[in-house]
Amino acid sequence: MRKKYIVNAVFGVVLLLLAGLIIYIRFQKPEEMRTVMEVNGQDVVREEYQLVLQRLRAQVKSGYSTEEANRKDFWTGRIDGSTPLEEIMGLAEEELIRDKVIASMAEARGIRANADYESLKESMEQENASRSRKEASGEVNYGLITYTEEAYYQYFYTELESELTEALKKEHTITDKELESAYNENLESYRYENKVNVLAAETKAENTEILRHAAEAMESGMEKEELAETFPDISFYELEMNSLDTQEGKSDVYGLRWMLAAGMQAGEISEPFAAGQNMLVLKCLEREEDGYLPLKDVKGVLESQIKTEAAKQEIRAEVQKAEVKKKDSKLEAAAKEVLVEQDT
């Protein structure tokens, strides 16, 4: 009798546990069942994790010999004390933690929300649909015509980090003393081999003959104001160039301008040469060897560099203190599904 009672009691407990499990599963959200990790309260679902693993696959394999990479048990076999599976899982987790921290920092500053996997998929589908419509109507599409999930994921977080960095830069202030100190510490970075000041004459290609006459006037010493009055079809301007700032313009259209100027001595006049659709002549006004760009000329760039580094440090600090909850068994199962099972 007592034995029957014990069996019934155990059976009852099992039924209660099963009922509780069913209720738990029934009321769990689908994304919670797919969650493999949480970062600052943000879910990382299995598909998102596997997406990153797939992208890292080639990178990890390239770190091993061909013989090792071709082994049937490559991902799970131990090499130098650890497995490639452990390595790639660690890399993927690091990347996802950083991405989710960037997303939470951005959202806190009102930059962008909805960085969860499902929202990203929806956003990608909308973007691809828009690009398809543009392609069909003959409109210009910049970048890819169609994004894959992997490409869109990288694009999204690259853009998000860029926006966040700019927002963080605005939160930092740099004093003139800090700028001067940073300039002096990196003075060699602002050292140029040579600097030239030139008077340039630029006009359309059909005015080449007029340009030759202007060059003769420039060589005779005619001043810029008088040159402009005498040759109204030609644009005259002074330009300072150095080996650190060659003023080459977009698509290197003015590359030849610097190449010629760099070899000129004071008073020299160049032959007419082409730059894009125009023709130019240069007169070297002054030449200086081995100098340093003054702080006033690099102040804007230097300030931006300092603020950018400060923003990166802030992101790194937030990554270090991120609250991460990992579901190790789910992480390993998801990794094996996309790596081990696909390789067999």
Protein backbone atom coordinates (compact mmCIF):
# COMPACT_ATOMS: atom_id res chain seq x y z
CA MET A 1 0.00 0.00 0.00
CA ARG A 2 2.74 2.37 0.98
CA LYS A 3 4.69 1.57 -2.19
CA LYS A 4 1.63 2.42 -4.28
CA TYR A 5 1.29 5.71 -2.39
CA ILE A 6 4.92 6.65 -3.11
CA VAL A 7 4.52 5.81 -6.81
CA ASN A 8 1.38 7.92 -7.01
CA ALA A 9 3.08 10.79 -5.20
CA VAL A 10 6.07 10.71 -7.59
CA PHE A 11 3.73 10.48 -10.55
CA GLY A 12 1.82 13.48 -9.24
CA VAL A 13 4.99 15.53 -8.83
CA VAL A 14 6.06 14.67 -12.38
CA LEU A 15 2.66 15.73 -13.71
CA LEU A 16 2.92 19.02 -11.83
CA LEU A 17 6.40 19.66 -13.22
CA LEU A 18 5.26 18.87 -16.76
CA ALA A 19 2.23 21.13 -16.35
CA GLY A 20 4.47 23.92 -15.09
CA LEU A 21 6.85 23.45 -18.01
CA ILE A 22 3.98 23.53 -20.50
CA ILE A 23 2.59 26.70 -18.93
CA TYR A 24 6.06 28.29 -18.96
CA ILE A 25 6.57 27.44 -22.62
CA ARG A 26 3.02 28.48 -23.50
CA PHE A 27 3.40 31.96 -22.07
CA GLN A 28 7.01 32.56 -23.11
CA LYS A 29 7.46 35.00 -25.99
CA PRO A 30 8.96 33.40 -29.14
CA GLU A 31 12.00 35.70 -28.99
CA GLU A 32 12.65 34.66 -25.39
CA MET A 33 12.83 31.01 -26.46
CA ARG A 34 15.36 31.97 -29.16
CA THR A 35 17.45 34.21 -26.89
CA VAL A 36 21.01 32.98 -26.39
CA MET A 37 22.41 36.04 -24.60
CA GLU A 38 21.31 39.33 -23.03
CA VAL A 39 23.38 42.52 -23.02
CA ASN A 40 22.16 45.39 -20.88
CA GLY A 41 18.68 43.93 -21.10
CA GLN A 42 18.78 43.57 -24.91
CA ASP A 43 18.17 40.11 -26.35
CA VAL A 44 20.56 38.43 -28.75
CA VAL A 45 18.60 35.75 -30.58
CA ARG A 46 19.98 32.55 -32.11
CA GLU A 47 19.75 33.78 -35.71
CA GLU A 48 21.63 36.99 -34.95
CA TYR A 49 24.36 35.07 -33.14
CA GLN A 50 24.66 32.62 -36.02
CA LEU A 51 24.84 35.48 -38.51
CA VAL A 52 27.95 36.80 -36.78
CA LEU A 53 29.43 33.30 -36.50
CA GLN A 54 29.03 32.78 -40.24
CA ARG A 55 30.87 36.00 -40.98
CA LEU A 56 33.73 35.09 -38.63
CA ARG A 57 34.07 31.54 -39.99
CA ALA A 58 36.64 32.34 -42.71
CA GLN A 59 38.60 34.67 -40.40
CA VAL A 60 39.01 31.97 -37.76
CA LYS A 61 39.86 29.22 -40.26
CA SER A 62 42.55 31.41 -41.84
CA GLY A 63 44.44 31.31 -38.55
CA TYR A 64 45.07 27.59 -38.90
CA SER A 65 47.04 25.46 -41.34
CA THR A 66 45.24 23.92 -44.32
CA GLU A 67 45.65 20.50 -42.77
CA GLU A 68 44.09 21.64 -39.49
CA ALA A 69 41.25 23.53 -41.18
CA ASN A 70 40.34 20.47 -43.27
CA ARG A 71 40.03 18.14 -40.31
CA LYS A 72 36.55 16.65 -39.86
CA ASP A 73 36.62 17.59 -36.18
CA PHE A 74 38.16 21.02 -36.85
CA TRP A 75 35.66 23.01 -34.78
CA THR A 76 35.56 20.65 -31.79
CA GLY A 77 39.06 19.19 -31.82
CA ARG A 78 41.60 20.71 -29.46
CA ILE A 79 44.48 22.63 -31.04
CA ASP A 80 47.07 24.12 -28.68
CA GLY A 81 44.81 23.61 -25.68
CA SER A 82 41.54 25.05 -27.01
CA THR A 83 39.05 24.44 -29.80
CA PRO A 84 38.33 26.70 -32.77
CA LEU A 85 34.68 26.53 -31.67
CA GLU A 86 35.57 28.16 -28.36
CA GLU A 87 37.62 30.79 -30.23
CA ILE A 88 34.88 31.77 -32.68
CA MET A 89 32.21 31.77 -29.96
CA GLY A 90 34.35 34.16 -27.92
CA LEU A 91 34.87 36.49 -30.89
CA ALA A 92 31.17 36.48 -31.75
CA GLU A 93 30.17 37.20 -28.17
CA GLU A 94 32.65 40.11 -27.96
CA GLU A 95 31.30 41.63 -31.18
CA LEU A 96 27.67 41.25 -30.13
CA ILE A 97 28.31 42.75 -26.70
CA ARG A 98 29.94 45.75 -28.35
CA ASP A 99 27.12 46.12 -30.87
CA LYS A 100 24.42 46.01 -28.21
CA VAL A 101 26.29 48.49 -26.01
CA ILE A 102 26.54 50.87 -28.98
CA ALA A 103 22.81 50.42 -29.59
CA SER A 104 21.91 51.17 -25.95
CA MET A 105 24.24 54.20 -25.83
CA ALA A 106 22.75 55.51 -29.07
CA GLU A 107 19.19 55.01 -27.89
CA ALA A 108 19.98 56.84 -24.64
CA ARG A 109 20.96 59.85 -26.77
CA GLY A 110 17.87 59.66 -28.95
CA ILE A 111 19.79 58.58 -32.03
CA ARG A 112 18.03 55.38 -32.99
CA ALA A 113 15.98 52.60 -31.43
CA ASN A 114 14.83 49.16 -32.62
CA ALA A 115 18.23 47.51 -33.01
CA ASP A 116 16.82 44.06 -32.23
CA TYR A 117 17.16 41.33 -34.84
CA GLU A 118 13.53 41.29 -35.99
CA SER A 119 13.49 45.08 -36.44
CA LEU A 120 16.75 44.90 -38.40
CA LYS A 121 15.28 42.26 -40.70
CA GLU A 122 12.20 44.40 -41.28
CA SER A 123 14.35 47.48 -41.92
CA MET A 124 16.50 45.51 -44.39
CA GLU A 125 13.44 44.28 -46.28
CA GLN A 126 12.11 47.84 -46.55
CA GLU A 127 15.50 49.10 -47.74
CA ASN A 128 15.78 46.33 -50.34
CA ALA A 129 12.24 47.02 -51.57
CA SER A 130 13.08 50.72 -51.94
CA ARG A 131 16.27 49.93 -53.85
CA SER A 132 14.43 47.50 -56.12
CA ARG A 133 11.88 50.20 -57.00
CA LYS A 134 14.69 52.66 -57.77
CA GLU A 135 16.43 50.09 -59.94
CA ALA A 136 13.21 49.36 -61.86
CA SER A 137 12.53 53.05 -62.46
CA GLY A 138 16.11 53.79 -63.55
CA GLU A 139 16.99 55.88 -60.49
CA VAL A 140 20.52 55.86 -59.10
CA ASN A 141 21.22 53.44 -56.24
CA TYR A 142 24.28 54.23 -54.13
CA GLY A 143 25.94 51.15 -52.68
CA LEU A 144 24.45 47.68 -53.02
CA ILE A 145 21.27 47.07 -54.98
CA THR A 146 20.22 44.36 -52.54
CA TYR A 147 21.53 43.79 -49.01
CA THR A 148 22.07 40.34 -47.56
CA GLU A 149 21.36 39.98 -43.85
CA GLU A 150 25.09 39.91 -43.11
CA ALA A 151 25.84 43.00 -45.21
CA TYR A 152 22.91 44.95 -43.78
CA TYR A 153 23.81 44.01 -40.20
CA GLN A 154 27.34 45.36 -40.69
CA TYR A 155 26.06 48.46 -42.49
CA PHE A 156 23.56 49.20 -39.72
CA TYR A 157 26.03 48.98 -36.85
CA THR A 158 28.77 50.83 -38.76
CA GLU A 159 26.39 53.73 -39.37
CA LEU A 160 25.08 53.58 -35.82
CA GLU A 161 28.59 53.71 -34.34
CA SER A 162 29.44 56.66 -36.59
CA GLU A 163 26.34 58.57 -35.41
CA LEU A 164 27.06 57.71 -31.78
CA THR A 165 30.70 58.82 -32.10
CA GLU A 166 29.63 62.21 -33.46
CA ALA A 167 27.13 62.60 -30.61
CA LEU A 168 29.78 61.71 -28.01
CA LYS A 169 32.23 64.15 -29.58
CA LYS A 170 29.73 66.96 -29.00
CA GLU A 171 29.62 66.03 -25.32
CA HIS A 172 33.39 66.56 -24.95
CA THR A 173 35.06 69.97 -24.70
CA ILE A 174 38.75 70.54 -25.41
CA THR A 175 40.60 73.56 -23.99
CA ASP A 176 43.20 75.50 -25.97
CA LYS A 177 45.80 74.31 -23.45
CA GLU A 178 44.90 70.67 -24.13
CA LEU A 179 45.09 71.29 -27.87
CA GLU A 180 48.49 72.93 -27.60
CA SER A 181 49.75 70.09 -25.42
CA ALA A 182 48.50 67.46 -27.90
CA TYR A 183 50.04 69.42 -30.78
CA ASN A 184 53.45 69.56 -29.11
CA GLU A 185 53.34 65.88 -28.18
CA ASN A 186 52.70 64.95 -31.82
CA LEU A 187 54.72 67.70 -33.46
CA GLU A 188 56.56 65.32 -35.80
CA SER A 189 53.20 64.33 -37.30
CA TYR A 190 52.90 67.88 -38.64
CA ARG A 191 56.36 68.05 -40.20
CA TYR A 192 56.48 68.61 -43.96
CA GLU A 193 59.39 68.12 -46.34
CA ASN A 194 58.62 71.16 -48.45
CA LYS A 195 56.04 73.90 -48.84
CA VAL A 196 55.34 76.10 -51.86
CA ASN A 197 53.18 79.15 -52.37
CA VAL A 198 52.06 79.53 -55.96
CA LEU A 199 50.07 81.89 -58.14
CA ALA A 200 47.79 79.74 -60.29
CA ALA A 201 46.08 80.72 -63.54
CA GLU A 202 43.19 78.40 -64.49
CA THR A 203 40.84 78.49 -67.46
CA LYS A 204 38.90 76.32 -69.88
CA ALA A 205 40.86 74.22 -72.36
CA GLU A 206 39.75 76.35 -75.36
CA ASN A 207 41.54 79.35 -73.80
CA THR A 208 44.97 77.69 -73.85
CA GLU A 209 46.48 80.28 -76.19
CA ILE A 210 45.26 83.12 -73.93
CA LEU A 211 46.75 81.22 -71.01
CA ARG A 212 50.16 81.25 -72.67
CA HIS A 213 50.02 85.04 -72.92
CA ALA A 214 48.97 85.21 -69.28
CA ALA A 215 51.97 83.05 -68.36
CA GLU A 216 54.28 85.53 -70.07
CA ALA A 217 52.67 88.36 -68.08
CA MET A 218 53.04 86.39 -64.86
CA GLU A 219 56.73 85.81 -65.63
CA SER A 220 57.23 89.55 -66.22
CA GLY A 221 55.98 90.22 -62.68
CA MET A 222 52.46 91.52 -63.35
CA GLU A 223 50.42 91.51 -60.12
CA LYS A 224 47.36 89.29 -59.63
CA GLU A 225 44.86 92.20 -59.73
CA GLU A 226 46.23 93.49 -63.01
CA LEU A 227 46.35 89.96 -64.44
CA ALA A 228 42.66 89.49 -63.60
CA GLU A 229 41.77 92.74 -65.39
CA THR A 230 43.91 91.95 -68.42
CA PHE A 231 42.76 88.34 -68.81
CA PRO A 232 39.11 88.20 -67.66
CA ASP A 233 38.60 84.66 -69.02
CA ILE A 234 41.21 83.31 -66.60
CA SER A 235 40.87 82.70 -62.88
CA PHE A 236 43.95 83.76 -60.86
CA TYR A 237 44.41 82.57 -57.27
CA GLU A 238 47.17 82.03 -54.75
CA LEU A 239 47.58 78.61 -53.17
CA GLU A 240 49.74 77.19 -50.41
CA MET A 241 50.62 73.50 -50.69
CA ASN A 242 52.93 71.23 -48.73
CA SER A 243 53.79 67.54 -48.62
CA LEU A 244 51.16 66.96 -45.89
CA ASP A 245 48.43 68.96 -47.58
CA THR A 246 48.77 68.70 -51.35
CA GLN A 247 45.35 70.19 -52.22
CA GLU A 248 44.76 67.49 -54.82
CA GLY A 249 40.98 67.82 -54.81
CA LYS A 250 38.36 65.16 -55.36
CA SER A 251 39.46 62.12 -57.38
CA ASP A 252 43.00 63.52 -57.47
CA VAL A 253 41.94 65.97 -60.21
CA TYR A 254 44.65 68.42 -59.11
CA GLY A 255 47.33 65.79 -58.46
CA LEU A 256 49.59 67.12 -61.23
CA ARG A 257 49.35 70.62 -59.77
CA TRP A 258 51.15 69.48 -56.62
CA MET A 259 53.63 67.29 -58.51
CA LEU A 260 54.77 70.27 -60.57
CA ALA A 261 54.71 72.76 -57.72
CA ALA A 262 56.76 70.48 -55.46
CA GLY A 263 59.71 70.70 -57.85
CA MET A 264 59.57 74.45 -58.53
CA GLN A 265 61.80 77.17 -57.16
CA ALA A 266 60.74 80.74 -56.40
CA GLY A 267 60.10 82.70 -59.62
CA GLU A 268 59.68 79.65 -61.87
CA ILE A 269 56.74 79.37 -64.29
CA SER A 270 55.32 76.02 -65.37
CA GLU A 271 54.20 75.02 -68.83
CA PRO A 272 50.39 74.86 -69.34
CA PHE A 273 48.97 71.54 -68.07
CA ALA A 274 45.57 69.92 -67.78
CA ALA A 275 43.54 69.38 -64.61
CA GLY A 276 40.22 67.78 -65.40
CA GLN A 277 38.51 69.89 -68.07
CA ASN A 278 40.70 72.95 -67.39
CA MET A 279 44.21 74.14 -68.21
CA LEU A 280 46.56 75.69 -65.66
CA VAL A 281 49.83 77.56 -65.32
CA LEU A 282 51.71 77.93 -62.02
CA LYS A 283 54.18 80.51 -60.80
CA CYS A 284 56.14 79.64 -57.66
CA LEU A 285 56.09 82.63 -55.30
CA GLU A 286 57.89 81.11 -52.34
CA ARG A 287 59.44 77.79 -51.32
CA GLU A 288 60.29 76.47 -47.86
CA GLU A 289 62.02 73.24 -46.88
CA ASP A 290 61.53 71.11 -43.77
CA GLY A 291 58.97 72.89 -41.61
CA TYR A 292 55.95 72.26 -39.37
CA LEU A 293 52.29 73.04 -39.94
CA PRO A 294 51.28 75.70 -37.39
CA LEU A 295 48.69 74.82 -34.73
CA LYS A 296 46.13 77.18 -36.30
CA ASP A 297 46.21 75.13 -39.51
CA VAL A 298 45.63 71.77 -37.80
CA LYS A 299 43.49 72.90 -34.87
CA GLY A 300 40.19 71.68 -36.33
CA VAL A 301 41.53 68.28 -37.36
CA LEU A 302 43.42 67.83 -34.10
CA GLU A 303 40.38 68.70 -31.99
CA SER A 304 38.29 66.21 -33.95
CA GLN A 305 40.93 63.50 -33.47
CA ILE A 306 41.08 64.06 -29.72
CA LYS A 307 37.30 64.00 -29.39
CA THR A 308 37.05 60.89 -31.56
CA GLU A 309 39.55 59.05 -29.35
CA ALA A 310 37.66 60.19 -26.23
CA ALA A 311 34.43 58.84 -27.76
CA LYS A 312 36.09 55.50 -28.52
CA GLN A 313 37.39 55.29 -24.95
CA GLU A 314 33.91 55.97 -23.61
CA ILE A 315 32.48 53.17 -25.75
CA ARG A 316 35.23 50.79 -24.58
CA ALA A 317 34.50 51.68 -20.95
CA GLU A 318 30.78 50.98 -21.41
CA VAL A 319 31.58 47.65 -23.07
CA GLN A 320 33.76 46.66 -20.11
CA LYS A 321 30.97 47.25 -17.60
CA ALA A 322 28.12 45.83 -19.70
CA GLU A 323 25.75 43.50 -17.89
CA VAL A 324 25.88 40.24 -19.83
CA LYS A 325 23.77 37.15 -19.24
CA LYS A 326 24.84 34.18 -21.35
CA LYS A 327 22.91 30.97 -21.92
CA ASP A 328 25.94 28.79 -22.47
CA SER A 329 24.16 25.63 -23.58
CA LYS A 330 22.09 27.55 -26.14
CA LEU A 331 25.16 29.44 -27.39
CA GLU A 332 27.09 26.21 -27.92
CA ALA A 333 24.15 24.44 -29.56
CA ALA A 334 23.57 27.36 -31.94
CA ALA A 335 27.27 27.51 -32.82
CA LYS A 336 27.48 23.79 -33.51
CA GLU A 337 24.34 23.96 -35.64
CA VAL A 338 25.78 26.56 -37.98
CA LEU A 339 29.42 25.43 -37.94
CA VAL A 340 29.85 21.76 -37.06
CA GLU A 341 26.68 20.39 -38.66
CA GLN A 342 27.16 22.38 -41.87
CA ASP A 343 30.74 21.15 -42.22
CA THR A 344 29.76 17.48 -41.96
